C-alpha cells in the first residue's frame, strides 16, 4: 500500500475502523466548540491543537492523539470497533484538508481576524458533523473526484 496521501494507484483494501474516524470527528467538534465558548485565545490554541492532531494522524497513521485516545482508552473501555475493508487514503486526505483549514483558522484567530477564523472553524465543524451524523465524508468525496479528474486527464 502506498503511504502517499494521494497516490496514483489505488491502495489495497485494508481494514478501516470507522469508529476511530467517528472519534476523530467528535473530537474535532468538541474541542473547537469548547474553544469557541472559552474565547479567542483558548479557541486559537484548541483549534491549532486539533489541526495538528489531525495532521499527525494523517501523516503517521495510528499516532494521532485522537487515534491513540480511541485505541488506548475508549476501545478498552468498551467502545466497539466498526471495521470495514477499504482504502484509508481518502480519509487521510480529508484529515489533512481539515487540518490545513484549522491551522489557517488558528492563525487568523491569533491575528485577531475572528470572523474569518471562526468561519473556517465552523466549516470544518459542519463537515465533521455531516460525516459523524450521516456518514458522508466531503473530503473523501473530493479525493475521489480529484482521482477521477486526474484519470480523465491522463486519458487525453
N, C-alpha and C. Protein backbone atom coordinates (compact mmCIF):
# COMPACT_ATOMS: atom_id res chain seq x y z
N UNK A 1 0.84 -1.18 0.00
CA UNK A 1 0.00 0.00 0.00
C UNK A 1 0.88 1.24 0.00
N UNK A 2 0.52 2.19 -0.78
CA UNK A 2 1.27 3.43 -0.87
C UNK A 2 1.07 4.24 0.41
N UNK A 3 2.12 4.91 0.85
CA UNK A 3 2.00 5.76 2.03
C UNK A 3 1.67 7.20 1.66
N UNK A 4 1.64 7.50 0.37
CA UNK A 4 1.30 8.86 -0.01
C UNK A 4 -0.18 9.11 0.22
N UNK A 5 -0.51 10.34 0.53
CA UNK A 5 -1.89 10.68 0.82
C UNK A 5 -2.75 10.58 -0.42
N UNK A 6 -2.20 10.91 -1.57
CA UNK A 6 -2.99 10.85 -2.79
C UNK A 6 -2.14 10.19 -3.87
N UNK A 7 -2.12 8.88 -3.88
CA UNK A 7 -1.28 8.16 -4.82
C UNK A 7 -1.99 7.97 -6.15
N UNK A 8 -1.22 7.65 -7.16
CA UNK A 8 -1.79 7.44 -8.49
C UNK A 8 -2.48 6.10 -8.61
N UNK A 9 -2.00 5.12 -7.89
CA UNK A 9 -2.63 3.80 -7.94
C UNK A 9 -3.40 3.59 -6.65
N UNK A 10 -4.59 2.97 -6.75
CA UNK A 10 -5.38 2.76 -5.54
C UNK A 10 -4.67 1.81 -4.58
N UNK A 11 -4.81 2.10 -3.31
CA UNK A 11 -4.21 1.24 -2.30
C UNK A 11 -5.00 -0.05 -2.20
N UNK A 12 -4.35 -1.08 -1.71
CA UNK A 12 -5.04 -2.34 -1.46
C UNK A 12 -6.07 -2.11 -0.37
N UNK A 13 -7.14 -2.86 -0.45
CA UNK A 13 -8.17 -2.76 0.57
C UNK A 13 -7.62 -3.30 1.89
N UNK A 14 -7.77 -2.53 2.93
CA UNK A 14 -7.31 -2.90 4.26
C UNK A 14 -8.43 -2.61 5.26
N UNK A 15 -8.33 -3.16 6.46
CA UNK A 15 -9.36 -2.84 7.46
C UNK A 15 -9.28 -1.36 7.86
N UNK A 16 -10.42 -0.71 7.84
CA UNK A 16 -10.54 0.69 8.25
C UNK A 16 -11.59 0.74 9.36
N UNK A 17 -11.19 1.19 10.53
CA UNK A 17 -12.11 1.26 11.67
C UNK A 17 -12.86 2.58 11.63
N UNK A 18 -14.11 2.51 11.24
CA UNK A 18 -14.93 3.72 11.11
C UNK A 18 -15.26 4.34 12.47
N UNK A 19 -15.21 3.53 13.53
CA UNK A 19 -15.43 4.08 14.87
C UNK A 19 -14.29 5.03 15.22
N UNK A 20 -13.07 4.68 14.83
CA UNK A 20 -11.93 5.57 15.08
C UNK A 20 -12.12 6.88 14.32
N UNK A 21 -12.64 6.81 13.09
CA UNK A 21 -12.90 8.02 12.32
C UNK A 21 -13.96 8.87 13.02
N UNK A 22 -14.97 8.21 13.59
CA UNK A 22 -16.01 8.93 14.31
C UNK A 22 -15.46 9.62 15.56
N UNK A 23 -14.52 8.96 16.24
CA UNK A 23 -13.88 9.59 17.39
C UNK A 23 -13.14 10.84 16.95
N UNK A 24 -12.43 10.78 15.82
CA UNK A 24 -11.76 11.97 15.27
C UNK A 24 -12.77 13.09 15.06
N UNK A 25 -13.88 12.77 14.42
CA UNK A 25 -14.88 13.79 14.11
C UNK A 25 -15.49 14.38 15.37
N UNK A 26 -15.80 13.53 16.34
CA UNK A 26 -16.37 14.01 17.61
C UNK A 26 -15.36 14.89 18.35
N UNK A 27 -14.09 14.51 18.31
CA UNK A 27 -13.06 15.30 18.98
C UNK A 27 -12.91 16.67 18.32
N UNK A 28 -12.98 16.71 17.00
CA UNK A 28 -12.92 17.99 16.28
C UNK A 28 -14.03 18.91 16.79
N UNK A 29 -15.24 18.39 16.76
CA UNK A 29 -16.40 19.19 17.16
C UNK A 29 -16.25 19.64 18.61
N UNK A 30 -15.94 18.71 19.50
CA UNK A 30 -15.87 19.04 20.93
C UNK A 30 -14.80 20.08 21.22
N UNK A 31 -13.61 19.87 20.71
CA UNK A 31 -12.51 20.78 21.04
C UNK A 31 -12.73 22.19 20.51
N UNK A 32 -13.17 22.30 19.27
CA UNK A 32 -13.31 23.66 18.73
C UNK A 32 -14.53 24.37 19.31
N UNK A 33 -15.57 23.63 19.66
CA UNK A 33 -16.72 24.27 20.31
C UNK A 33 -16.32 24.75 21.71
N UNK A 34 -15.55 23.94 22.44
CA UNK A 34 -15.03 24.38 23.74
C UNK A 34 -14.18 25.64 23.54
N UNK A 35 -13.34 25.64 22.53
CA UNK A 35 -12.51 26.81 22.23
C UNK A 35 -13.34 28.04 21.92
N UNK A 36 -14.40 27.86 21.15
CA UNK A 36 -15.27 28.98 20.80
C UNK A 36 -15.91 29.57 22.04
N UNK A 37 -16.42 28.69 22.92
CA UNK A 37 -17.07 29.15 24.14
C UNK A 37 -16.05 29.83 25.06
N UNK A 38 -14.85 29.29 25.12
CA UNK A 38 -13.81 29.82 26.02
C UNK A 38 -13.27 31.18 25.56
N UNK A 39 -13.33 31.44 24.27
CA UNK A 39 -12.84 32.73 23.77
C UNK A 39 -11.68 32.56 22.82
N UNK A 40 -11.31 33.65 22.18
CA UNK A 40 -10.35 33.60 21.08
C UNK A 40 -8.98 33.07 21.45
N UNK A 41 -8.44 33.42 22.61
CA UNK A 41 -7.11 32.92 22.97
C UNK A 41 -7.10 31.41 23.10
N UNK A 42 -7.99 30.89 23.91
CA UNK A 42 -8.12 29.44 24.08
C UNK A 42 -8.61 28.82 22.78
N UNK A 43 -9.49 29.49 22.10
CA UNK A 43 -10.02 28.98 20.83
C UNK A 43 -8.93 28.78 19.79
N UNK A 44 -8.04 29.73 19.70
CA UNK A 44 -6.94 29.62 18.74
C UNK A 44 -6.05 28.44 19.09
N UNK A 45 -5.76 28.27 20.38
CA UNK A 45 -4.90 27.17 20.81
C UNK A 45 -5.58 25.83 20.55
N UNK A 46 -6.84 25.69 20.96
CA UNK A 46 -7.54 24.42 20.74
C UNK A 46 -7.74 24.12 19.26
N UNK A 47 -7.94 25.15 18.47
CA UNK A 47 -8.06 24.95 17.02
C UNK A 47 -6.73 24.46 16.45
N UNK A 48 -5.63 25.06 16.88
CA UNK A 48 -4.30 24.63 16.42
C UNK A 48 -4.00 23.20 16.88
N UNK A 49 -4.31 22.89 18.13
CA UNK A 49 -4.08 21.53 18.65
C UNK A 49 -4.89 20.51 17.85
N UNK A 50 -6.12 20.85 17.55
CA UNK A 50 -6.97 19.95 16.77
C UNK A 50 -6.40 19.75 15.37
N UNK A 51 -5.98 20.84 14.74
CA UNK A 51 -5.39 20.74 13.40
C UNK A 51 -4.11 19.92 13.40
N UNK A 52 -3.26 20.12 14.39
CA UNK A 52 -2.02 19.35 14.48
C UNK A 52 -2.29 17.87 14.76
N UNK A 53 -3.30 17.60 15.57
CA UNK A 53 -3.67 16.21 15.86
C UNK A 53 -4.13 15.50 14.59
N UNK A 54 -4.96 16.18 13.80
CA UNK A 54 -5.42 15.59 12.54
C UNK A 54 -4.26 15.36 11.59
N UNK A 55 -3.36 16.32 11.50
CA UNK A 55 -2.21 16.17 10.60
C UNK A 55 -1.33 15.01 11.05
N UNK A 56 -1.10 14.90 12.33
CA UNK A 56 -0.27 13.80 12.85
C UNK A 56 -0.88 12.45 12.50
N UNK A 57 -2.18 12.32 12.73
CA UNK A 57 -2.85 11.05 12.43
C UNK A 57 -2.89 10.73 10.94
N UNK A 58 -2.93 11.76 10.11
CA UNK A 58 -2.96 11.53 8.66
C UNK A 58 -1.58 11.19 8.12
N UNK A 59 -0.57 11.85 8.63
CA UNK A 59 0.79 11.64 8.12
C UNK A 59 1.46 10.43 8.75
N UNK A 60 1.07 10.09 9.96
CA UNK A 60 1.61 8.91 10.65
C UNK A 60 0.42 8.14 11.21
N UNK A 61 -0.28 7.40 10.36
CA UNK A 61 -1.50 6.70 10.80
C UNK A 61 -1.30 5.91 12.10
N UNK A 62 -2.25 6.11 13.00
CA UNK A 62 -2.22 5.44 14.29
C UNK A 62 -1.55 6.25 15.38
N UNK A 63 -0.83 7.32 15.02
CA UNK A 63 -0.09 8.07 16.03
C UNK A 63 -0.75 9.39 16.41
N UNK A 64 -1.83 9.74 15.76
CA UNK A 64 -2.53 10.98 16.13
C UNK A 64 -3.14 10.86 17.51
N UNK A 65 -3.15 11.94 18.28
CA UNK A 65 -3.69 11.88 19.64
C UNK A 65 -5.12 11.35 19.73
N UNK A 66 -5.98 11.69 18.79
CA UNK A 66 -7.35 11.18 18.83
C UNK A 66 -7.36 9.67 18.56
N UNK A 67 -6.47 9.21 17.68
CA UNK A 67 -6.37 7.78 17.38
C UNK A 67 -5.84 7.02 18.60
N UNK A 68 -4.86 7.59 19.27
CA UNK A 68 -4.30 6.96 20.47
C UNK A 68 -5.36 6.91 21.57
N UNK A 69 -6.10 8.00 21.76
CA UNK A 69 -7.19 8.03 22.74
C UNK A 69 -8.19 6.91 22.47
N UNK A 70 -8.56 6.75 21.22
CA UNK A 70 -9.50 5.70 20.84
C UNK A 70 -8.92 4.32 21.15
N UNK A 71 -7.71 4.09 20.70
CA UNK A 71 -7.11 2.76 20.80
C UNK A 71 -6.77 2.38 22.25
N UNK A 72 -6.27 3.34 23.03
CA UNK A 72 -5.78 3.02 24.38
C UNK A 72 -6.79 3.25 25.50
N UNK A 73 -7.80 4.10 25.25
CA UNK A 73 -8.74 4.43 26.32
C UNK A 73 -10.17 4.00 25.97
N UNK A 74 -10.67 4.49 24.85
CA UNK A 74 -12.08 4.27 24.53
C UNK A 74 -12.41 2.83 24.15
N UNK A 75 -11.57 2.22 23.33
CA UNK A 75 -11.81 0.83 22.95
C UNK A 75 -11.71 -0.11 24.15
N UNK A 76 -10.65 0.02 24.97
CA UNK A 76 -10.61 -0.84 26.16
C UNK A 76 -11.77 -0.59 27.14
N UNK A 77 -12.32 0.64 27.11
CA UNK A 77 -13.45 0.97 27.98
C UNK A 77 -14.77 0.43 27.43
N UNK A 78 -14.75 -0.15 26.24
CA UNK A 78 -15.96 -0.78 25.71
C UNK A 78 -16.50 -0.22 24.42
N UNK A 79 -15.88 0.82 23.86
CA UNK A 79 -16.34 1.34 22.56
C UNK A 79 -15.96 0.33 21.49
N UNK A 80 -16.94 -0.21 20.82
CA UNK A 80 -16.69 -1.28 19.87
C UNK A 80 -16.23 -0.77 18.51
N UNK A 81 -15.24 -1.44 17.94
CA UNK A 81 -14.78 -1.08 16.59
C UNK A 81 -15.89 -1.30 15.56
N UNK A 82 -15.81 -0.58 14.47
CA UNK A 82 -16.72 -0.75 13.32
C UNK A 82 -15.82 -0.83 12.09
N UNK A 83 -15.29 -2.02 11.85
CA UNK A 83 -14.27 -2.21 10.83
C UNK A 83 -14.89 -2.62 9.50
N UNK A 84 -14.45 -1.92 8.45
CA UNK A 84 -14.85 -2.22 7.07
C UNK A 84 -13.59 -2.27 6.23
N UNK A 85 -13.61 -3.07 5.20
CA UNK A 85 -12.48 -3.11 4.29
C UNK A 85 -12.58 -1.93 3.34
N UNK A 86 -11.48 -1.23 3.15
CA UNK A 86 -11.50 -0.08 2.26
C UNK A 86 -10.12 0.53 2.12
N UNK A 87 -10.10 1.67 1.48
CA UNK A 87 -8.86 2.42 1.25
C UNK A 87 -8.80 3.56 2.26
N UNK A 88 -7.79 3.59 3.11
CA UNK A 88 -7.70 4.67 4.09
C UNK A 88 -7.24 6.01 3.50
N UNK A 89 -6.73 6.01 2.28
CA UNK A 89 -6.19 7.24 1.69
C UNK A 89 -7.21 8.38 1.63
N UNK A 90 -8.46 8.15 1.22
CA UNK A 90 -9.41 9.27 1.21
C UNK A 90 -9.62 9.87 2.60
N UNK A 91 -9.61 9.04 3.62
CA UNK A 91 -9.79 9.54 4.99
C UNK A 91 -8.59 10.36 5.44
N UNK A 92 -7.39 9.92 5.06
CA UNK A 92 -6.18 10.68 5.39
C UNK A 92 -6.18 12.02 4.66
N UNK A 93 -6.59 12.01 3.40
CA UNK A 93 -6.69 13.24 2.62
C UNK A 93 -7.67 14.20 3.30
N UNK A 94 -8.82 13.69 3.70
CA UNK A 94 -9.84 14.53 4.35
C UNK A 94 -9.28 15.11 5.65
N UNK A 95 -8.55 14.30 6.41
CA UNK A 95 -7.97 14.78 7.66
C UNK A 95 -6.93 15.87 7.39
N UNK A 96 -6.14 15.70 6.34
CA UNK A 96 -5.16 16.74 6.00
C UNK A 96 -5.83 18.02 5.55
N UNK A 97 -6.90 17.90 4.79
CA UNK A 97 -7.64 19.09 4.37
C UNK A 97 -8.20 19.82 5.60
N UNK A 98 -8.85 19.07 6.49
CA UNK A 98 -9.38 19.66 7.71
C UNK A 98 -8.29 20.27 8.56
N UNK A 99 -7.17 19.58 8.64
CA UNK A 99 -6.03 20.08 9.41
C UNK A 99 -5.54 21.41 8.85
N UNK A 100 -5.39 21.47 7.55
CA UNK A 100 -4.92 22.71 6.92
C UNK A 100 -5.85 23.87 7.18
N UNK A 101 -7.14 23.63 7.05
CA UNK A 101 -8.12 24.69 7.28
C UNK A 101 -8.09 25.12 8.74
N UNK A 102 -8.00 24.16 9.66
CA UNK A 102 -7.97 24.50 11.08
C UNK A 102 -6.70 25.27 11.45
N UNK A 103 -5.58 24.91 10.86
CA UNK A 103 -4.35 25.64 11.17
C UNK A 103 -4.38 27.07 10.63
N UNK A 104 -4.95 27.26 9.45
CA UNK A 104 -5.13 28.62 8.93
C UNK A 104 -6.09 29.39 9.84
N UNK A 105 -7.16 28.73 10.27
CA UNK A 105 -8.12 29.37 11.16
C UNK A 105 -7.46 29.77 12.48
N UNK A 106 -6.62 28.90 13.03
CA UNK A 106 -5.93 29.22 14.28
C UNK A 106 -5.03 30.44 14.10
N UNK A 107 -4.35 30.50 12.97
CA UNK A 107 -3.50 31.65 12.67
C UNK A 107 -4.34 32.93 12.59
N UNK A 108 -5.45 32.85 11.88
CA UNK A 108 -6.34 34.02 11.77
C UNK A 108 -6.86 34.45 13.13
N UNK A 109 -7.26 33.49 13.96
CA UNK A 109 -7.74 33.82 15.30
C UNK A 109 -6.63 34.47 16.12
N UNK A 110 -5.43 33.93 16.00
CA UNK A 110 -4.29 34.51 16.71
C UNK A 110 -3.97 35.93 16.27
N UNK A 111 -4.26 36.23 15.02
CA UNK A 111 -4.01 37.57 14.49
C UNK A 111 -5.18 38.53 14.71
N UNK A 112 -6.26 38.01 15.32
CA UNK A 112 -7.41 38.86 15.61
C UNK A 112 -8.47 38.91 14.53
N UNK A 113 -8.33 38.10 13.49
CA UNK A 113 -9.34 38.05 12.42
C UNK A 113 -10.41 37.03 12.82
N UNK A 114 -11.19 37.42 13.82
CA UNK A 114 -12.14 36.50 14.45
C UNK A 114 -13.19 35.95 13.50
N UNK A 115 -13.80 36.79 12.71
CA UNK A 115 -14.88 36.34 11.84
C UNK A 115 -14.36 35.34 10.81
N UNK A 116 -13.24 35.65 10.19
CA UNK A 116 -12.66 34.73 9.21
C UNK A 116 -12.21 33.43 9.87
N UNK A 117 -11.55 33.55 11.01
CA UNK A 117 -11.06 32.37 11.71
C UNK A 117 -12.17 31.46 12.13
N UNK A 118 -13.18 32.01 12.82
CA UNK A 118 -14.29 31.16 13.26
C UNK A 118 -15.12 30.67 12.09
N UNK A 119 -15.20 31.45 11.02
CA UNK A 119 -15.91 30.97 9.83
C UNK A 119 -15.28 29.70 9.29
N UNK A 120 -13.95 29.70 9.18
CA UNK A 120 -13.25 28.48 8.72
C UNK A 120 -13.43 27.33 9.70
N UNK A 121 -13.33 27.63 10.98
CA UNK A 121 -13.50 26.59 12.00
C UNK A 121 -14.87 25.93 11.85
N UNK A 122 -15.91 26.74 11.71
CA UNK A 122 -17.24 26.16 11.68
C UNK A 122 -17.57 25.48 10.35
N UNK A 123 -16.84 25.78 9.30
CA UNK A 123 -16.97 24.97 8.08
C UNK A 123 -16.46 23.56 8.37
N UNK A 124 -15.31 23.46 9.03
CA UNK A 124 -14.76 22.14 9.37
C UNK A 124 -15.70 21.42 10.34
N UNK A 125 -16.23 22.14 11.33
CA UNK A 125 -17.16 21.53 12.28
C UNK A 125 -18.40 21.01 11.55
N UNK A 126 -18.94 21.81 10.65
CA UNK A 126 -20.14 21.38 9.91
C UNK A 126 -19.86 20.12 9.10
N UNK A 127 -18.71 20.08 8.43
CA UNK A 127 -18.37 18.90 7.63
C UNK A 127 -18.11 17.68 8.51
N UNK A 128 -17.49 17.89 9.67
CA UNK A 128 -17.27 16.78 10.61
C UNK A 128 -18.61 16.26 11.13
N UNK A 129 -19.54 17.16 11.42
CA UNK A 129 -20.86 16.73 11.88
C UNK A 129 -21.63 15.98 10.80
N UNK A 130 -21.54 16.45 9.56
CA UNK A 130 -22.20 15.73 8.46
C UNK A 130 -21.66 14.31 8.36
N UNK A 131 -20.36 14.18 8.46
CA UNK A 131 -19.75 12.85 8.40
C UNK A 131 -20.16 12.00 9.60
N UNK A 132 -20.12 12.59 10.79
CA UNK A 132 -20.46 11.88 12.01
C UNK A 132 -21.92 11.44 12.02
N UNK A 133 -22.81 12.31 11.61
CA UNK A 133 -24.25 12.01 11.70
C UNK A 133 -24.80 11.26 10.49
N UNK A 134 -24.26 11.55 9.30
CA UNK A 134 -24.84 10.98 8.09
C UNK A 134 -23.90 10.07 7.31
N UNK A 135 -22.65 9.99 7.72
CA UNK A 135 -21.70 9.11 7.06
C UNK A 135 -21.20 9.60 5.72
N UNK A 136 -21.36 10.90 5.44
CA UNK A 136 -20.85 11.45 4.19
C UNK A 136 -19.60 12.25 4.47
N UNK A 137 -18.49 11.82 3.90
CA UNK A 137 -17.20 12.48 4.10
C UNK A 137 -16.92 13.36 2.88
N UNK A 138 -17.05 14.66 3.05
CA UNK A 138 -16.83 15.59 1.94
C UNK A 138 -15.39 15.54 1.45
N UNK A 139 -14.42 15.41 2.35
CA UNK A 139 -13.02 15.32 1.95
C UNK A 139 -12.75 14.04 1.16
N UNK A 140 -13.38 12.94 1.57
CA UNK A 140 -13.24 11.68 0.83
C UNK A 140 -13.84 11.82 -0.57
N UNK A 141 -14.99 12.47 -0.65
CA UNK A 141 -15.64 12.71 -1.93
C UNK A 141 -14.73 13.54 -2.84
N UNK A 142 -14.14 14.58 -2.29
CA UNK A 142 -13.22 15.43 -3.06
C UNK A 142 -12.02 14.61 -3.54
N UNK A 143 -11.47 13.78 -2.67
CA UNK A 143 -10.34 12.92 -3.02
C UNK A 143 -10.70 12.04 -4.22
N UNK A 144 -11.86 11.42 -4.16
CA UNK A 144 -12.28 10.52 -5.25
C UNK A 144 -12.53 11.30 -6.54
N UNK A 145 -13.10 12.48 -6.43
CA UNK A 145 -13.35 13.30 -7.63
C UNK A 145 -12.05 13.77 -8.25
N UNK A 146 -11.09 14.14 -7.42
CA UNK A 146 -9.78 14.55 -7.95
C UNK A 146 -9.10 13.37 -8.64
N UNK A 147 -9.25 12.19 -8.08
CA UNK A 147 -8.70 10.99 -8.71
C UNK A 147 -9.33 10.72 -10.06
N UNK A 148 -10.63 10.89 -10.15
CA UNK A 148 -11.33 10.72 -11.44
C UNK A 148 -10.86 11.76 -12.45
N UNK A 149 -10.73 13.00 -12.00
CA UNK A 149 -10.28 14.07 -12.89
C UNK A 149 -8.87 13.78 -13.40
N UNK A 150 -8.00 13.34 -12.50
CA UNK A 150 -6.64 13.03 -12.88
C UNK A 150 -6.62 11.86 -13.89
N UNK A 151 -7.45 10.85 -13.66
CA UNK A 151 -7.51 9.71 -14.57
C UNK A 151 -8.05 10.15 -15.92
N UNK A 152 -9.05 11.03 -15.91
CA UNK A 152 -9.64 11.53 -17.16
C UNK A 152 -8.60 12.33 -17.95
N UNK A 153 -7.85 13.18 -17.25
CA UNK A 153 -6.83 13.99 -17.91
C UNK A 153 -5.71 13.10 -18.45
N UNK A 154 -5.44 12.00 -17.77
CA UNK A 154 -4.42 11.06 -18.23
C UNK A 154 -4.81 10.35 -19.52
N UNK A 155 -6.12 10.26 -19.78
CA UNK A 155 -6.62 9.62 -20.98
C UNK A 155 -6.52 10.53 -22.18
N UNK A 156 -6.49 11.83 -21.93
CA UNK A 156 -6.49 12.80 -23.03
C UNK A 156 -5.16 12.86 -23.74
